[in-house]
Amino acid sequence: MPGVPKKRQDTIHRTAIEAVGGRVLLISPKRKMLRNLLDWYKLLKEQRNNAEAVYFNLYSLAWIFPIYLAKLFGYRVIVHAHNNDLQDCSKLQQLAHKIFVKTTKHMDVLRLTNSSLSSAFFFDNSTSELIYNAIDTSRFQFN
């Protein structure tokens, strides 16, 4: 319908989160870059007195600007990576990831990974803390 703004994507976990006293704060998708950055800016500025850290569970470092904003506002930043390759990404995203891996290498962030391969791919072997997956993958191997 013309003139009616579209509702932002919600999360299927809203009810469970709110049931235990949590709040869901939505950010515009990354493909809407300026809106996304403005949402992050407003959220981080608004929550400065309510939170000490920001946790990022990322697929790549191609869109690193929210991390920079969090550092700018003085948050402790935690970056958690699970993968060791980029699949189904554009060449531009792959290039951006490689560039930002080098720039974040010297940032004061807590780096978490699930393997040495993830650490090498995501953090260029910078110091990272290894956190093993909670699932026993041997139980789910193909047979």
N, C-alpha and C. Protein backbone atom coordinates (compact mmCIF):
# COMPACT_ATOMS: atom_id res chain seq x y z
N MET A 1 0.84 -1.17 0.00
CA MET A 1 0.00 0.00 0.00
C MET A 1 0.90 1.24 0.00
N PRO A 2 0.71 2.15 -0.95
CA PRO A 2 1.57 3.35 -1.04
C PRO A 2 1.46 4.21 0.22
N GLY A 3 2.59 4.77 0.63
CA GLY A 3 2.62 5.67 1.77
C GLY A 3 2.69 4.98 3.13
N VAL A 4 2.53 3.66 3.15
CA VAL A 4 2.60 2.93 4.42
C VAL A 4 3.97 2.27 4.51
N PRO A 5 4.76 2.64 5.53
CA PRO A 5 6.09 2.03 5.63
C PRO A 5 5.99 0.54 5.91
N LYS A 6 6.93 -0.21 5.32
CA LYS A 6 6.97 -1.65 5.57
C LYS A 6 7.48 -1.92 6.97
N LYS A 7 6.92 -2.92 7.60
CA LYS A 7 7.35 -3.33 8.93
C LYS A 7 8.71 -4.02 8.82
N ARG A 8 9.59 -3.74 9.75
CA ARG A 8 10.90 -4.39 9.77
C ARG A 8 10.74 -5.87 10.05
N GLN A 9 11.69 -6.63 9.56
CA GLN A 9 11.73 -8.07 9.81
C GLN A 9 11.79 -8.31 11.31
N ASP A 10 10.94 -9.18 11.81
CA ASP A 10 10.94 -9.50 13.23
C ASP A 10 11.68 -10.82 13.44
N THR A 11 11.79 -11.25 14.66
CA THR A 11 12.46 -12.51 14.98
C THR A 11 11.46 -13.51 15.53
N ILE A 12 11.67 -14.77 15.19
CA ILE A 12 10.78 -15.82 15.69
C ILE A 12 10.99 -16.06 17.18
N HIS A 13 12.07 -15.52 17.72
CA HIS A 13 12.40 -15.73 19.13
C HIS A 13 11.87 -14.62 20.05
N ARG A 14 11.16 -13.66 19.50
CA ARG A 14 10.70 -12.51 20.29
C ARG A 14 9.95 -12.95 21.56
N THR A 15 8.98 -13.84 21.43
CA THR A 15 8.17 -14.25 22.56
C THR A 15 9.02 -14.87 23.67
N ALA A 16 9.94 -15.77 23.28
CA ALA A 16 10.80 -16.43 24.27
C ALA A 16 11.73 -15.43 24.95
N ILE A 17 12.25 -14.49 24.20
CA ILE A 17 13.16 -13.49 24.76
C ILE A 17 12.42 -12.59 25.74
N GLU A 18 11.26 -12.12 25.32
CA GLU A 18 10.50 -11.22 26.18
C GLU A 18 9.93 -11.93 27.40
N ALA A 19 9.70 -13.24 27.29
CA ALA A 19 9.17 -14.02 28.42
C ALA A 19 10.15 -14.07 29.59
N VAL A 20 11.44 -13.94 29.31
CA VAL A 20 12.43 -13.96 30.39
C VAL A 20 12.97 -12.55 30.68
N GLY A 21 12.24 -11.54 30.22
CA GLY A 21 12.60 -10.17 30.55
C GLY A 21 13.51 -9.48 29.56
N GLY A 22 13.82 -10.15 28.46
CA GLY A 22 14.69 -9.55 27.45
C GLY A 22 13.93 -8.61 26.52
N ARG A 23 14.69 -7.84 25.76
CA ARG A 23 14.11 -6.94 24.76
C ARG A 23 14.70 -7.26 23.41
N VAL A 24 13.90 -7.13 22.38
CA VAL A 24 14.36 -7.32 21.01
C VAL A 24 14.49 -5.95 20.37
N LEU A 25 15.68 -5.62 19.91
CA LEU A 25 15.94 -4.35 19.25
C LEU A 25 16.35 -4.66 17.82
N LEU A 26 15.59 -4.18 16.85
CA LEU A 26 15.81 -4.53 15.46
C LEU A 26 16.67 -3.51 14.74
N ILE A 27 17.51 -4.03 13.85
CA ILE A 27 18.40 -3.23 13.01
C ILE A 27 18.01 -3.49 11.55
N SER A 28 18.03 -2.45 10.74
CA SER A 28 17.74 -2.62 9.31
C SER A 28 18.77 -3.55 8.69
N PRO A 29 18.38 -4.24 7.61
CA PRO A 29 19.33 -5.15 6.95
C PRO A 29 20.55 -4.41 6.38
N LYS A 30 21.66 -5.14 6.27
CA LYS A 30 22.91 -4.55 5.77
C LYS A 30 22.78 -4.03 4.34
N ARG A 31 21.89 -4.62 3.57
CA ARG A 31 21.74 -4.17 2.18
C ARG A 31 21.22 -2.73 2.10
N LYS A 32 20.62 -2.26 3.20
CA LYS A 32 20.21 -0.85 3.32
C LYS A 32 21.27 -0.16 4.16
N MET A 33 22.46 0.02 3.57
CA MET A 33 23.65 0.41 4.31
C MET A 33 23.48 1.65 5.19
N LEU A 34 23.00 2.72 4.63
CA LEU A 34 22.89 3.95 5.43
C LEU A 34 21.89 3.79 6.56
N ARG A 35 20.76 3.16 6.28
CA ARG A 35 19.75 2.94 7.33
C ARG A 35 20.32 2.03 8.42
N ASN A 36 21.06 0.98 8.00
CA ASN A 36 21.68 0.05 8.93
C ASN A 36 22.65 0.79 9.86
N LEU A 37 23.52 1.61 9.27
CA LEU A 37 24.49 2.36 10.08
C LEU A 37 23.79 3.33 11.03
N LEU A 38 22.75 4.00 10.56
CA LEU A 38 22.01 4.92 11.42
C LEU A 38 21.34 4.17 12.57
N ASP A 39 20.76 3.00 12.27
CA ASP A 39 20.15 2.18 13.33
C ASP A 39 21.18 1.77 14.37
N TRP A 40 22.35 1.31 13.91
CA TRP A 40 23.41 0.93 14.84
C TRP A 40 23.85 2.12 15.68
N TYR A 41 24.04 3.26 15.03
CA TYR A 41 24.46 4.46 15.74
C TYR A 41 23.47 4.81 16.84
N LYS A 42 22.18 4.86 16.49
CA LYS A 42 21.15 5.20 17.48
C LYS A 42 21.11 4.18 18.61
N LEU A 43 21.16 2.90 18.26
CA LEU A 43 21.09 1.85 19.27
C LEU A 43 22.28 1.92 20.24
N LEU A 44 23.48 2.02 19.69
CA LEU A 44 24.67 2.04 20.53
C LEU A 44 24.73 3.30 21.39
N LYS A 45 24.31 4.41 20.85
CA LYS A 45 24.29 5.65 21.62
C LYS A 45 23.25 5.56 22.74
N GLU A 46 22.08 5.03 22.41
CA GLU A 46 20.99 4.91 23.39
C GLU A 46 21.32 3.94 24.52
N GLN A 47 22.04 2.87 24.22
CA GLN A 47 22.30 1.82 25.20
C GLN A 47 23.62 1.98 25.95
N ARG A 48 24.32 3.07 25.72
CA ARG A 48 25.64 3.29 26.35
C ARG A 48 25.64 3.07 27.85
N ASN A 49 24.59 3.50 28.52
CA ASN A 49 24.56 3.39 29.98
C ASN A 49 23.94 2.08 30.46
N ASN A 50 23.44 1.26 29.54
CA ASN A 50 22.76 0.02 29.90
C ASN A 50 23.56 -1.24 29.59
N ALA A 51 24.61 -1.12 28.81
CA ALA A 51 25.38 -2.30 28.39
C ALA A 51 26.87 -1.96 28.36
N GLU A 52 27.67 -2.95 28.70
CA GLU A 52 29.12 -2.76 28.68
C GLU A 52 29.76 -3.34 27.43
N ALA A 53 29.12 -4.34 26.85
CA ALA A 53 29.72 -5.04 25.72
C ALA A 53 28.72 -5.25 24.60
N VAL A 54 29.26 -5.41 23.40
CA VAL A 54 28.45 -5.76 22.23
C VAL A 54 29.05 -7.03 21.65
N TYR A 55 28.19 -8.02 21.44
CA TYR A 55 28.59 -9.33 20.93
C TYR A 55 28.17 -9.44 19.47
N PHE A 56 29.13 -9.71 18.59
CA PHE A 56 28.87 -9.88 17.18
C PHE A 56 29.15 -11.33 16.80
N ASN A 57 28.16 -12.05 16.33
CA ASN A 57 28.32 -13.40 15.81
C ASN A 57 28.27 -13.26 14.30
N LEU A 58 29.43 -13.31 13.65
CA LEU A 58 29.54 -12.90 12.25
C LEU A 58 29.89 -14.04 11.30
N TYR A 59 29.44 -13.87 10.08
CA TYR A 59 29.77 -14.77 8.98
C TYR A 59 31.01 -14.27 8.25
N SER A 60 31.19 -12.96 8.23
CA SER A 60 32.37 -12.37 7.60
C SER A 60 32.61 -11.00 8.21
N LEU A 61 33.76 -10.43 7.88
CA LEU A 61 34.08 -9.09 8.32
C LEU A 61 33.85 -8.07 7.21
N ALA A 62 33.07 -8.43 6.20
CA ALA A 62 32.82 -7.54 5.08
C ALA A 62 32.04 -6.29 5.50
N TRP A 63 31.22 -6.39 6.53
CA TRP A 63 30.46 -5.24 7.04
C TRP A 63 30.89 -5.01 8.48
N ILE A 64 31.97 -4.28 8.64
CA ILE A 64 32.61 -4.12 9.93
C ILE A 64 32.25 -2.83 10.66
N PHE A 65 31.52 -1.98 9.99
CA PHE A 65 31.26 -0.65 10.52
C PHE A 65 30.53 -0.65 11.87
N PRO A 66 29.61 -1.57 12.15
CA PRO A 66 29.03 -1.59 13.50
C PRO A 66 30.07 -1.87 14.59
N ILE A 67 31.09 -2.64 14.27
CA ILE A 67 32.16 -2.89 15.24
C ILE A 67 32.92 -1.59 15.53
N TYR A 68 33.22 -0.83 14.48
CA TYR A 68 33.88 0.46 14.65
C TYR A 68 33.03 1.40 15.50
N LEU A 69 31.72 1.42 15.23
CA LEU A 69 30.82 2.28 16.01
C LEU A 69 30.81 1.88 17.48
N ALA A 70 30.75 0.57 17.73
CA ALA A 70 30.75 0.09 19.12
C ALA A 70 32.03 0.51 19.83
N LYS A 71 33.16 0.38 19.16
CA LYS A 71 34.43 0.81 19.75
C LYS A 71 34.43 2.32 19.98
N LEU A 72 33.89 3.07 19.04
CA LEU A 72 33.82 4.53 19.15
C LEU A 72 33.02 4.94 20.39
N PHE A 73 31.96 4.22 20.70
CA PHE A 73 31.14 4.52 21.86
C PHE A 73 31.70 3.94 23.16
N GLY A 74 32.82 3.22 23.09
CA GLY A 74 33.48 2.73 24.28
C GLY A 74 33.02 1.37 24.79
N TYR A 75 32.32 0.63 23.97
CA TYR A 75 31.89 -0.71 24.38
C TYR A 75 33.05 -1.69 24.31
N ARG A 76 32.99 -2.71 25.11
CA ARG A 76 33.86 -3.88 24.95
C ARG A 76 33.24 -4.67 23.81
N VAL A 77 34.04 -5.08 22.84
CA VAL A 77 33.52 -5.75 21.65
C VAL A 77 33.98 -7.20 21.63
N ILE A 78 33.02 -8.08 21.39
CA ILE A 78 33.28 -9.52 21.26
C ILE A 78 32.89 -9.92 19.85
N VAL A 79 33.83 -10.52 19.12
CA VAL A 79 33.57 -10.99 17.76
C VAL A 79 33.70 -12.50 17.76
N HIS A 80 32.64 -13.18 17.37
CA HIS A 80 32.58 -14.64 17.38
C HIS A 80 32.42 -15.14 15.95
N ALA A 81 33.31 -16.01 15.52
CA ALA A 81 33.30 -16.55 14.16
C ALA A 81 33.24 -18.06 14.19
N HIS A 82 32.44 -18.63 13.30
CA HIS A 82 32.31 -20.08 13.22
C HIS A 82 32.83 -20.67 11.91
N ASN A 83 33.00 -19.87 10.91
CA ASN A 83 33.31 -20.41 9.59
C ASN A 83 34.76 -20.17 9.20
N ASN A 84 35.19 -20.92 8.19
CA ASN A 84 36.56 -20.78 7.72
C ASN A 84 36.64 -20.54 6.22
N ASP A 85 35.52 -20.09 5.65
CA ASP A 85 35.48 -19.78 4.22
C ASP A 85 34.22 -18.97 3.95
N LEU A 86 34.24 -18.19 2.88
CA LEU A 86 33.05 -17.47 2.46
C LEU A 86 32.47 -18.17 1.24
N GLN A 87 31.24 -18.58 1.35
CA GLN A 87 30.57 -19.23 0.23
C GLN A 87 29.39 -18.39 -0.19
N ASP A 88 29.06 -18.43 -1.46
CA ASP A 88 27.92 -17.68 -1.99
C ASP A 88 28.03 -16.19 -1.70
N CYS A 89 29.24 -15.65 -1.77
CA CYS A 89 29.45 -14.22 -1.58
C CYS A 89 30.02 -13.62 -2.85
N SER A 90 29.76 -12.35 -3.03
CA SER A 90 30.30 -11.66 -4.19
C SER A 90 31.81 -11.46 -4.02
N LYS A 91 32.47 -11.18 -5.09
CA LYS A 91 33.92 -10.90 -5.06
C LYS A 91 34.19 -9.66 -4.21
N LEU A 92 33.28 -8.70 -4.26
CA LEU A 92 33.44 -7.49 -3.46
C LEU A 92 33.38 -7.81 -1.97
N GLN A 93 32.44 -8.67 -1.56
CA GLN A 93 32.36 -9.07 -0.15
C GLN A 93 33.60 -9.83 0.27
N GLN A 94 34.10 -10.69 -0.59
CA GLN A 94 35.31 -11.44 -0.26
C GLN A 94 36.50 -10.51 -0.10
N LEU A 95 36.61 -9.52 -1.00
CA LEU A 95 37.70 -8.55 -0.91
C LEU A 95 37.58 -7.71 0.36
N ALA A 96 36.37 -7.24 0.67
CA ALA A 96 36.15 -6.45 1.88
C ALA A 96 36.52 -7.26 3.12
N HIS A 97 36.14 -8.54 3.14
CA HIS A 97 36.48 -9.39 4.28
C HIS A 97 38.00 -9.46 4.45
N LYS A 98 38.73 -9.70 3.37
CA LYS A 98 40.19 -9.80 3.45
C LYS A 98 40.81 -8.50 3.95
N ILE A 99 40.31 -7.38 3.48
CA ILE A 99 40.84 -6.08 3.91
C ILE A 99 40.57 -5.86 5.40
N PHE A 100 39.34 -6.12 5.82
CA PHE A 100 38.97 -5.84 7.21
C PHE A 100 39.57 -6.85 8.18
N VAL A 101 39.92 -8.05 7.71
CA VAL A 101 40.66 -8.98 8.57
C VAL A 101 41.97 -8.34 8.98
N LYS A 102 42.62 -7.68 8.03
CA LYS A 102 43.91 -7.03 8.31
C LYS A 102 43.74 -5.83 9.23
N THR A 103 42.65 -5.05 9.05
CA THR A 103 42.49 -3.85 9.88
C THR A 103 42.05 -4.20 11.30
N THR A 104 41.28 -5.27 11.47
CA THR A 104 40.83 -5.63 12.82
C THR A 104 41.88 -6.39 13.60
N LYS A 105 42.92 -6.80 12.92
CA LYS A 105 43.99 -7.55 13.58
C LYS A 105 44.57 -6.78 14.76
N HIS A 106 44.54 -5.47 14.67
CA HIS A 106 45.15 -4.63 15.70
C HIS A 106 44.10 -3.97 16.60
N MET A 107 42.83 -4.32 16.43
CA MET A 107 41.79 -3.75 17.28
C MET A 107 41.71 -4.48 18.61
N ASP A 108 41.33 -3.77 19.62
CA ASP A 108 41.16 -4.35 20.95
C ASP A 108 39.75 -4.95 21.04
N VAL A 109 39.63 -6.19 20.57
CA VAL A 109 38.36 -6.92 20.63
C VAL A 109 38.64 -8.32 21.15
N LEU A 110 37.64 -8.93 21.79
CA LEU A 110 37.76 -10.32 22.21
C LEU A 110 37.37 -11.17 21.02
N ARG A 111 38.26 -12.04 20.58
CA ARG A 111 38.05 -12.88 19.41
C ARG A 111 37.73 -14.30 19.85
N LEU A 112 36.57 -14.81 19.42
CA LEU A 112 36.15 -16.16 19.75
C LEU A 112 35.96 -16.95 18.46
N THR A 113 36.46 -18.19 18.45
CA THR A 113 36.27 -19.07 17.29
C THR A 113 35.99 -20.48 17.77
N ASN A 114 35.64 -21.34 16.80
CA ASN A 114 35.39 -22.73 17.15
C ASN A 114 36.47 -23.67 16.62
N SER A 115 37.49 -23.11 15.93
CA SER A 115 38.56 -23.96 15.40
C SER A 115 39.76 -23.10 15.01
N SER A 116 40.89 -23.76 14.82
CA SER A 116 42.07 -23.03 14.35
C SER A 116 41.87 -22.55 12.92
N LEU A 117 41.08 -23.28 12.12
CA LEU A 117 40.78 -22.83 10.75
C LEU A 117 39.98 -21.53 10.77
N SER A 118 39.00 -21.44 11.66
CA SER A 118 38.22 -20.20 11.78
C SER A 118 39.11 -19.05 12.24
N SER A 119 40.00 -19.33 13.16
CA SER A 119 40.90 -18.29 13.65
C SER A 119 41.79 -17.76 12.53
N ALA A 120 42.31 -18.66 11.73
CA ALA A 120 43.17 -18.26 10.62
C ALA A 120 42.40 -17.45 9.58
N PHE A 121 41.20 -17.91 9.25
CA PHE A 121 40.40 -17.26 8.22
C PHE A 121 39.85 -15.92 8.69
N PHE A 122 39.35 -15.88 9.89
CA PHE A 122 38.62 -14.70 10.36
C PHE A 122 39.53 -13.68 11.02
N PHE A 123 40.55 -14.13 11.72
CA PHE A 123 41.36 -13.23 12.52
C PHE A 123 42.83 -13.25 12.12
N ASP A 124 43.15 -13.86 10.99
CA ASP A 124 44.52 -13.91 10.49
C ASP A 124 45.48 -14.40 11.58
N ASN A 125 44.99 -15.39 12.33
CA ASN A 125 45.75 -16.01 13.41
C ASN A 125 46.13 -15.06 14.55
N SER A 126 45.39 -13.95 14.66
CA SER A 126 45.55 -13.11 15.86
C SER A 126 45.10 -13.95 17.05
N THR A 127 45.47 -13.53 18.21
CA THR A 127 45.08 -14.26 19.41
C THR A 127 43.56 -14.36 19.48
N SER A 128 43.07 -15.58 19.57
CA SER A 128 41.63 -15.80 19.72
C SER A 128 41.41 -16.92 20.72
N GLU A 129 40.24 -16.91 21.31
CA GLU A 129 39.88 -17.93 22.28
C GLU A 129 39.04 -18.99 21.59
N LEU A 130 39.43 -20.22 21.75
CA LEU A 130 38.74 -21.35 21.13
C LEU A 130 37.61 -21.82 22.03
N ILE A 131 36.41 -21.82 21.48
CA ILE A 131 35.23 -22.32 22.20
C ILE A 131 34.65 -23.44 21.36
N TYR A 132 34.69 -24.63 21.88
CA TYR A 132 34.22 -25.78 21.11
C TYR A 132 32.70 -25.76 20.98
N ASN A 133 32.21 -26.29 19.88
CA ASN A 133 30.78 -26.42 19.68
C ASN A 133 30.20 -27.35 20.73
N ALA A 134 28.99 -27.09 21.15
CA ALA A 134 28.34 -27.89 22.19
C ALA A 134 27.73 -29.17 21.64
N ILE A 135 27.74 -29.35 20.34
CA ILE A 135 27.14 -30.53 19.71
C ILE A 135 28.23 -31.56 19.45
N ASP A 136 27.95 -32.81 19.79
CA ASP A 136 28.87 -33.90 19.50
C ASP A 136 28.69 -34.26 18.02
N THR A 137 29.53 -33.69 17.16
CA THR A 137 29.37 -33.86 15.72
C THR A 137 29.56 -35.31 15.27
N SER A 138 30.25 -36.12 16.05
CA SER A 138 30.44 -37.53 15.65
C SER A 138 29.10 -38.26 15.63
N ARG A 139 28.13 -37.81 16.41
CA ARG A 139 26.81 -38.45 16.42
C ARG A 139 26.00 -38.13 15.17
N PHE A 140 26.45 -37.13 14.40
CA PHE A 140 25.68 -36.70 13.24
C PHE A 140 26.44 -36.90 11.93
N GLN A 141 27.47 -37.75 11.95
CA GLN A 141 28.23 -38.02 10.74
C GLN A 141 27.42 -38.88 9.79
N PHE A 142 27.67 -38.66 8.50
CA PHE A 142 26.98 -39.43 7.46
C PHE A 142 27.42 -40.90 7.55
N ASN A 143 26.46 -41.80 7.40
CA ASN A 143 26.80 -43.22 7.32
C ASN A 143 25.91 -43.90 6.28
